[in-house]
C-alpha atoms as a PDB file:
ATOM      1  CA  UNK A   1       8.044   0.982  35.060  1.00  0.00           C
ATOM      2  CA  UNK A   2       8.529   2.797  31.762  1.00  0.00           C
ATOM      3  CA  UNK A   3       9.221   0.771  28.643  1.00  0.00           C
ATOM      4  CA  UNK A   4      12.667   2.312  28.026  1.00  0.00           C
ATOM      5  CA  UNK A   5      15.054   1.040  30.709  1.00  0.00           C
ATOM      6  CA  UNK A   6      18.188   2.768  29.389  1.00  0.00           C
ATOM      7  CA  UNK A   7      18.343   5.398  32.133  1.00  0.00           C
ATOM      8  CA  UNK A   8      17.693   2.829  34.867  1.00  0.00           C
ATOM      9  CA  UNK A   9      20.573   0.643  33.719  1.00  0.00           C
ATOM     10  CA  UNK A  10      22.960   3.576  33.425  1.00  0.00           C
ATOM     11  CA  UNK A  11      22.378   4.452  37.073  1.00  0.00           C
ATOM     12  CA  UNK A  12      23.247   0.955  38.266  1.00  0.00           C
ATOM     13  CA  UNK A  13      26.577   0.572  40.036  1.00  0.00           C
ATOM     14  CA  UNK A  14      27.273  -3.141  39.546  1.00  0.00           C
ATOM     15  CA  UNK A  15      31.000  -3.670  38.998  1.00  0.00           C
ATOM     16  CA  UNK A  16      31.869   0.029  39.252  1.00  0.00           C
ATOM     17  CA  UNK A  17      35.650   0.356  39.234  1.00  0.00           C
ATOM     18  CA  UNK A  18      36.175  -2.921  37.384  1.00  0.00           C
ATOM     19  CA  UNK A  19      38.210  -2.802  34.192  1.00  0.00           C
ATOM     20  CA  UNK A  20      36.575  -5.943  32.793  1.00  0.00           C
ATOM     21  CA  UNK A  21      33.093  -7.457  33.185  1.00  0.00           C
ATOM     22  CA  UNK A  22      31.619 -10.796  32.178  1.00  0.00           C
ATOM     23  CA  UNK A  23      28.288 -10.574  30.328  1.00  0.00           C
ATOM     24  CA  UNK A  24      25.969 -13.558  29.772  1.00  0.00           C
ATOM     25  CA  UNK A  25      23.949 -13.703  26.565  1.00  0.00           C
ATOM     26  CA  UNK A  26      21.060 -16.129  26.099  1.00  0.00           C
ATOM     27  CA  UNK A  27      19.198 -14.694  23.087  1.00  0.00           C
ATOM     28  CA  UNK A  28      20.461 -12.735  20.103  1.00  0.00           C
ATOM     29  CA  UNK A  29      23.664 -11.986  22.007  1.00  0.00           C
ATOM     30  CA  UNK A  30      24.694 -15.593  21.334  1.00  0.00           C
ATOM     31  CA  UNK A  31      25.001 -15.091  17.576  1.00  0.00           C
ATOM     32  CA  UNK A  32      24.888 -11.302  17.098  1.00  0.00           C
ATOM     33  CA  UNK A  33      27.836  -9.867  19.010  1.00  0.00           C
ATOM     34  CA  UNK A  34      27.873  -6.427  17.373  1.00  0.00           C
ATOM     35  CA  UNK A  35      30.058  -4.991  20.137  1.00  0.00           C
ATOM     36  CA  UNK A  36      33.764  -5.288  21.006  1.00  0.00           C
ATOM     37  CA  UNK A  37      34.728  -8.037  23.424  1.00  0.00           C
ATOM     38  CA  UNK A  38      37.959  -9.405  24.853  1.00  0.00           C
ATOM     39  CA  UNK A  39      36.914 -13.044  25.077  1.00  0.00           C
ATOM     40  CA  UNK A  40      33.926 -15.248  24.325  1.00  0.00           C
ATOM     41  CA  UNK A  41      33.180 -18.550  26.074  1.00  0.00           C
ATOM     42  CA  UNK A  42      30.234 -20.974  26.252  1.00  0.00           C
ATOM     43  CA  UNK A  43      28.634 -20.676  29.677  1.00  0.00           C
ATOM     44  CA  UNK A  44      25.494 -21.311  31.668  1.00  0.00           C
ATOM     45  CA  UNK A  45      23.654 -19.856  34.624  1.00  0.00           C
ATOM     46  CA  UNK A  46      21.589 -21.765  37.188  1.00  0.00           C
ATOM     47  CA  UNK A  47      18.044 -21.092  38.363  1.00  0.00           C
ATOM     48  CA  UNK A  48      16.742 -19.542  35.137  1.00  0.00           C
ATOM     49  CA  UNK A  49      15.025 -20.840  32.009  1.00  0.00           C
ATOM     50  CA  UNK A  50      14.674 -19.173  28.588  1.00  0.00           C
ATOM     51  CA  UNK A  51      11.158 -18.270  27.429  1.00  0.00           C
ATOM     52  CA  UNK A  52       9.641 -16.309  24.515  1.00  0.00           C
ATOM     53  CA  UNK A  53       7.560 -14.238  26.893  1.00  0.00           C
ATOM     54  CA  UNK A  54       8.824 -10.709  26.180  1.00  0.00           C
ATOM     55  CA  UNK A  55       7.417  -8.321  23.570  1.00  0.00           C
ATOM     56  CA  UNK A  56       9.731  -6.649  21.065  1.00  0.00           C
ATOM     57  CA  UNK A  57       8.514  -3.222  19.982  1.00  0.00           C
ATOM     58  CA  UNK A  58      11.885  -1.929  18.797  1.00  0.00           C
ATOM     59  CA  UNK A  59      13.825  -4.771  17.135  1.00  0.00           C
ATOM     60  CA  UNK A  60      11.618  -7.639  15.932  1.00  0.00           C
ATOM     61  CA  UNK A  61       8.285  -5.865  15.928  1.00  0.00           C
ATOM     62  CA  UNK A  62       6.621  -2.466  16.227  1.00  0.00           C
ATOM     63  CA  UNK A  63       4.520  -0.777  18.927  1.00  0.00           C
ATOM     64  CA  UNK A  64       1.428  -1.631  16.872  1.00  0.00           C
ATOM     65  CA  UNK A  65       2.466  -5.231  16.138  1.00  0.00           C
ATOM     66  CA  UNK A  66       5.115  -6.384  18.615  1.00  0.00           C
ATOM     67  CA  UNK A  67       7.160  -9.508  18.128  1.00  0.00           C
ATOM     68  CA  UNK A  68       8.229 -11.972  20.800  1.00  0.00           C
ATOM     69  CA  UNK A  69      11.775 -12.446  22.068  1.00  0.00           C
ATOM     70  CA  UNK A  70      13.337 -14.331  24.945  1.00  0.00           C
ATOM     71  CA  UNK A  71      13.736 -13.371  28.547  1.00  0.00           C
ATOM     72  CA  UNK A  72      14.567 -15.473  31.606  1.00  0.00           C
ATOM     73  CA  UNK A  73      12.111 -16.720  34.205  1.00  0.00           C
ATOM     74  CA  UNK A  74      13.040 -18.272  37.526  1.00  0.00           C
ATOM     75  CA  UNK A  75      12.994 -22.024  38.015  1.00  0.00           C
ATOM     76  CA  UNK A  76      15.224 -23.351  40.805  1.00  0.00           C
ATOM     77  CA  UNK A  77      16.355 -26.543  39.056  1.00  0.00           C
ATOM     78  CA  UNK A  78      16.848 -24.987  35.607  1.00  0.00           C
ATOM     79  CA  UNK A  79      20.120 -24.418  33.767  1.00  0.00           C
ATOM     80  CA  UNK A  80      20.231 -21.875  30.944  1.00  0.00           C
ATOM     81  CA  UNK A  81      23.043 -22.181  28.408  1.00  0.00           C
ATOM     82  CA  UNK A  82      24.393 -19.336  26.316  1.00  0.00           C
ATOM     83  CA  UNK A  83      27.525 -17.349  25.580  1.00  0.00           C
ATOM     84  CA  UNK A  84      29.664 -15.301  27.974  1.00  0.00           C
ATOM     85  CA  UNK A  85      31.580 -12.234  26.829  1.00  0.00           C
ATOM     86  CA  UNK A  86      34.395 -10.518  28.675  1.00  0.00           C
ATOM     87  CA  UNK A  87      33.913  -6.823  27.957  1.00  0.00           C
ATOM     88  CA  UNK A  88      35.121  -3.427  29.132  1.00  0.00           C
ATOM     89  CA  UNK A  89      32.696  -1.129  31.007  1.00  0.00           C
ATOM     90  CA  UNK A  90      32.211   1.302  28.114  1.00  0.00           C
ATOM     91  CA  UNK A  91      30.520  -1.457  26.106  1.00  0.00           C
ATOM     92  CA  UNK A  92      27.584  -1.412  28.528  1.00  0.00           C
ATOM     93  CA  UNK A  93      26.311   1.941  27.210  1.00  0.00           C
ATOM     94  CA  UNK A  94      25.437   0.674  23.717  1.00  0.00           C
ATOM     95  CA  UNK A  95      24.165  -2.585  25.203  1.00  0.00           C
ATOM     96  CA  UNK A  96      21.793  -0.649  27.467  1.00  0.00           C
ATOM     97  CA  UNK A  97      20.295   0.880  24.317  1.00  0.00           C
ATOM     98  CA  UNK A  98      20.098  -2.472  22.554  1.00  0.00           C
ATOM     99  CA  UNK A  99      18.324  -4.020  25.569  1.00  0.00           C
ATOM    100  CA  UNK A 100      16.194  -0.976  26.423  1.00  0.00           C
ATOM    101  CA  UNK A 101      12.795  -2.581  25.823  1.00  0.00           C
ATOM    102  CA  UNK A 102      12.217  -3.685  29.410  1.00  0.00           C
ATOM    103  CA  UNK A 103      15.535  -5.378  30.235  1.00  0.00           C
ATOM    104  CA  UNK A 104      17.514  -4.578  33.372  1.00  0.00           C
ATOM    105  CA  UNK A 105      21.042  -5.580  34.317  1.00  0.00           C
ATOM    106  CA  UNK A 106      21.184  -8.310  36.955  1.00  0.00           C
ATOM    107  CA  UNK A 107      24.193  -9.833  38.709  1.00  0.00           C
ATOM    108  CA  UNK A 108      24.566 -13.577  38.194  1.00  0.00           C
ATOM    109  CA  UNK A 109      27.121 -16.359  38.518  1.00  0.00           C
ATOM    110  CA  UNK A 110      28.415 -17.605  35.178  1.00  0.00           C
ATOM    111  CA  UNK A 111      29.632 -21.197  34.927  1.00  0.00           C
ATOM    112  CA  UNK A 112      32.038 -21.668  32.027  1.00  0.00           C
ATOM    113  CA  UNK A 113      31.937 -24.776  29.858  1.00  0.00           C
ATOM    114  CA  UNK A 114      34.682 -26.421  27.867  1.00  0.00           C
ATOM    115  CA  UNK A 115      34.389 -25.431  24.172  1.00  0.00           C
ATOM    116  CA  UNK A 116      33.750 -29.035  23.116  1.00  0.00           C
ATOM    117  CA  UNK A 117      31.303 -29.884  25.899  1.00  0.00           C
ATOM    118  CA  UNK A 118      27.791 -30.866  24.868  1.00  0.00           C
ATOM    119  CA  UNK A 119      25.003 -30.946  27.413  1.00  0.00           C
ATOM    120  CA  UNK A 120      21.946 -32.801  26.055  1.00  0.00           C
ATOM    121  CA  UNK A 121      18.592 -31.796  27.458  1.00  0.00           C
ATOM    122  CA  UNK A 122      19.806 -28.452  28.769  1.00  0.00           C
ATOM    123  CA  UNK A 123      22.199 -29.877  31.324  1.00  0.00           C
ATOM    124  CA  UNK A 124      22.132 -30.091  35.089  1.00  0.00           C
ATOM    125  CA  UNK A 125      24.219 -28.573  37.889  1.00  0.00           C
ATOM    126  CA  UNK A 126      26.206 -31.824  38.179  1.00  0.00           C
ATOM    127  CA  UNK A 127      27.158 -31.605  34.505  1.00  0.00           C
ATOM    128  CA  UNK A 128      28.282 -27.992  34.617  1.00  0.00           C
ATOM    129  CA  UNK A 129      30.640 -27.696  37.604  1.00  0.00           C
ATOM    130  CA  UNK A 130      33.485 -25.749  36.049  1.00  0.00           C
ATOM    131  CA  UNK A 131      35.235 -22.432  36.536  1.00  0.00           C
ATOM    132  CA  UNK A 132      32.848 -19.635  37.368  1.00  0.00           C
ATOM    133  CA  UNK A 133      32.734 -15.850  37.737  1.00  0.00           C
ATOM    134  CA  UNK A 134      30.305 -13.128  38.716  1.00  0.00           C
ATOM    135  CA  UNK A 135      28.898 -11.162  35.822  1.00  0.00           C
ATOM    136  CA  UNK A 136      25.884  -9.392  34.355  1.00  0.00           C
ATOM    137  CA  UNK A 137      22.838 -10.539  32.439  1.00  0.00           C
ATOM    138  CA  UNK A 138      19.959  -8.498  30.993  1.00  0.00           C
ATOM    139  CA  UNK A 139      16.585  -9.811  32.182  1.00  0.00           C
ATOM    140  CA  UNK A 140      13.065  -8.553  31.480  1.00  0.00           C
ATOM    141  CA  UNK A 141      10.969  -9.538  34.482  1.00  0.00           C
ATOM    142  CA  UNK A 142       7.205  -9.828  34.702  1.00  0.00           C
ATOM    143  CA  UNK A 143       7.134  -6.315  36.187  1.00  0.00           C
ATOM    144  CA  UNK A 144       8.180  -4.566  32.956  1.00  0.00           C
ATOM    145  CA  UNK A 145       5.603  -3.034  30.627  1.00  0.00           C
ATOM    146  CA  UNK A 146       6.570  -5.221  27.647  1.00  0.00           C
ATOM    147  CA  UNK A 147       6.199  -8.553  29.448  1.00  0.00           C
ATOM    148  CA  UNK A 148       3.664 -10.767  27.647  1.00  0.00           C
ATOM    149  CA  UNK A 149       3.984 -13.918  29.701  1.00  0.00           C
ATOM    150  CA  UNK A 150       3.037 -17.470  28.894  1.00  0.00           C
ATOM    151  CA  UNK A 151       0.847 -18.383  25.925  1.00  0.00           C
ATOM    152  CA  UNK A 152       0.102 -21.528  23.888  1.00  0.00           C
ATOM    153  CA  UNK A 153       3.054 -22.419  21.662  1.00  0.00           C
ATOM    154  CA  UNK A 154       0.956 -22.143  18.504  1.00  0.00           C
ATOM    155  CA  UNK A 155      -0.140 -18.628  19.476  1.00  0.00           C
ATOM    156  CA  UNK A 156       3.465 -17.602  20.121  1.00  0.00           C
ATOM    157  CA  UNK A 157       4.497 -18.968  16.724  1.00  0.00           C
ATOM    158  CA  UNK A 158       1.672 -17.146  14.929  1.00  0.00           C
ATOM    159  CA  UNK A 159       2.872 -13.877  16.447  1.00  0.00           C
ATOM    160  CA  UNK A 160       6.508 -14.578  15.596  1.00  0.00           C
ATOM    161  CA  UNK A 161       5.661 -15.600  12.020  1.00  0.00           C
ATOM    162  CA  UNK A 162       4.042 -12.255  11.199  1.00  0.00           C
ATOM    163  CA  UNK A 163       6.023  -9.732  13.263  1.00  0.00           C
ATOM    164  CA  UNK A 164       8.718  -7.606  11.635  1.00  0.00           C
ATOM    165  CA  UNK A 165      10.782  -4.747  13.050  1.00  0.00           C
ATOM    166  CA  UNK A 166      13.844  -2.582  12.379  1.00  0.00           C
ATOM    167  CA  UNK A 167      16.162  -5.541  13.097  1.00  0.00           C
ATOM    168  CA  UNK A 168      14.307  -7.813  10.679  1.00  0.00           C
ATOM    169  CA  UNK A 169      11.651 -10.529  10.763  1.00  0.00           C
ATOM    170  CA  UNK A 170      10.825 -12.018  14.135  1.00  0.00           C
ATOM    171  CA  UNK A 171      10.986 -15.478  12.530  1.00  0.00           C
ATOM    172  CA  UNK A 172      14.699 -14.987  11.824  1.00  0.00           C
ATOM    173  CA  UNK A 173      15.315 -14.270  15.506  1.00  0.00           C
ATOM    174  CA  UNK A 174      13.739 -17.585  16.533  1.00  0.00           C
ATOM    175  CA  UNK A 175      15.426 -19.656  13.828  1.00  0.00           C
ATOM    176  CA  UNK A 176      18.831 -18.049  14.428  1.00  0.00           C
ATOM    177  CA  UNK A 177      18.534 -18.741  18.148  1.00  0.00           C
ATOM    178  CA  UNK A 178      17.594 -22.370  17.551  1.00  0.00           C
ATOM    179  CA  UNK A 179      20.544 -22.797  15.186  1.00  0.00           C
ATOM    180  CA  UNK A 180      22.956 -21.139  17.623  1.00  0.00           C
ATOM    181  CA  UNK A 181      21.836 -23.376  20.485  1.00  0.00           C
ATOM    182  CA  UNK A 182      22.151 -26.473  18.314  1.00  0.00           C
ATOM    183  CA  UNK A 183      25.681 -25.405  17.381  1.00  0.00           C
ATOM    184  CA  UNK A 184      26.501 -25.149  21.086  1.00  0.00           C
ATOM    185  CA  UNK A 185      25.164 -28.667  21.606  1.00  0.00           C
ATOM    186  CA  UNK A 186      22.318 -27.426  23.805  1.00  0.00           C
ATOM    187  CA  UNK A 187      18.836 -28.937  23.696  1.00  0.00           C
ATOM    188  CA  UNK A 188      16.329 -26.237  24.649  1.00  0.00           C
ATOM    189  CA  UNK A 189      12.874 -27.880  24.429  1.00  0.00           C
ATOM    190  CA  UNK A 190      10.968 -24.563  24.477  1.00  0.00           C
ATOM    191  CA  UNK A 191      12.983 -22.924  21.694  1.00  0.00           C
ATOM    192  CA  UNK A 192      13.183 -26.051  19.550  1.00  0.00           C
ATOM    193  CA  UNK A 193       9.446 -26.748  19.848  1.00  0.00           C
ATOM    194  CA  UNK A 194       8.702 -23.220  18.647  1.00  0.00           C
ATOM    195  CA  UNK A 195      11.199 -23.536  15.791  1.00  0.00           C
ATOM    196  CA  UNK A 196       9.606 -26.806  14.626  1.00  0.00           C
ATOM    197  CA  UNK A 197       6.158 -25.253  14.642  1.00  0.00           C
ATOM    198  CA  UNK A 198       7.404 -22.183  12.796  1.00  0.00           C
ATOM    199  CA  UNK A 199       9.053 -24.248  10.044  1.00  0.00           C
ATOM    200  CA  UNK A 200       5.876 -26.301   9.647  1.00  0.00           C
ATOM    201  CA  UNK A 201       3.860 -23.100   9.371  1.00  0.00           C
ATOM    202  CA  UNK A 202       6.175 -21.558   6.783  1.00  0.00           C
ATOM    203  CA  UNK A 203       6.385 -24.563   4.424  1.00  0.00           C
ATOM    204  CA  UNK A 204       2.723 -24.388   3.281  1.00  0.00           C
ATOM    205  CA  UNK A 205       2.993 -20.609   2.875  1.00  0.00           C
ATOM    206  CA  UNK A 206       6.014 -20.946   0.599  1.00  0.00           C
ATOM    207  CA  UNK A 207       4.652 -23.812  -1.482  1.00  0.00           C
ATOM    208  CA  UNK A 208       1.025 -22.733  -1.867  1.00  0.00           C
ATOM    209  CA  UNK A 209       0.980 -18.984  -1.374  1.00  0.00           C
ATOM    210  CA  UNK A 210      -1.455 -17.702   1.244  1.00  0.00           C
ATOM    211  CA  UNK A 211      -3.160 -21.071   1.808  1.00  0.00           C
ATOM    212  CA  UNK A 212      -2.236 -22.759   5.060  1.00  0.00           C
ATOM    213  CA  UNK A 213      -1.679 -26.503   5.116  1.00  0.00           C
ATOM    214  CA  UNK A 214      -2.053 -28.930   7.942  1.00  0.00           C
ATOM    215  CA  UNK A 215       0.350 -28.578  10.885  1.00  0.00           C
END
């Protein structure tokens, strides 16, 4: 598969003829909705978990020094929380470009949460039985050319701490995601563990220049 998935997504026929489509965001789409939408609601999807296993060559890194961003990997008992957007079909074109670095549209069932609902520990199917709808989500699977896969958390943080791309520092992506999830009342152990390690790594750099303190 080529790295740029724009043309593949534009040939997909999911929800053709629909005037409105639900889109699930689990990464930067949670806090950076730079597209028009009709409605936004907290939501979750079942059977997927969020992982920093995808390279970013176009937003939070470069081809020579890619960053790391989130994708979804299958785990039957998992629940992934994020934000759902009700959009019109023409919004998908710009989103295909935004998500071109290995992400493909997939059909999924979105489960909507009450705005004031908090689900400690990421939630469970019993805690999230609410109204639902079919929608789309962009996922970068292990078959795309930018998939990096699992790595030690410290190695992931080292890469995130130094990567920088057209959309800004990779560290901002991680910290913004952690803050957005905390605001939603979601406990994502993977994201929060990385954010803690990143903050610990940055404190010595800011206080003592290039010297690195104990972590």
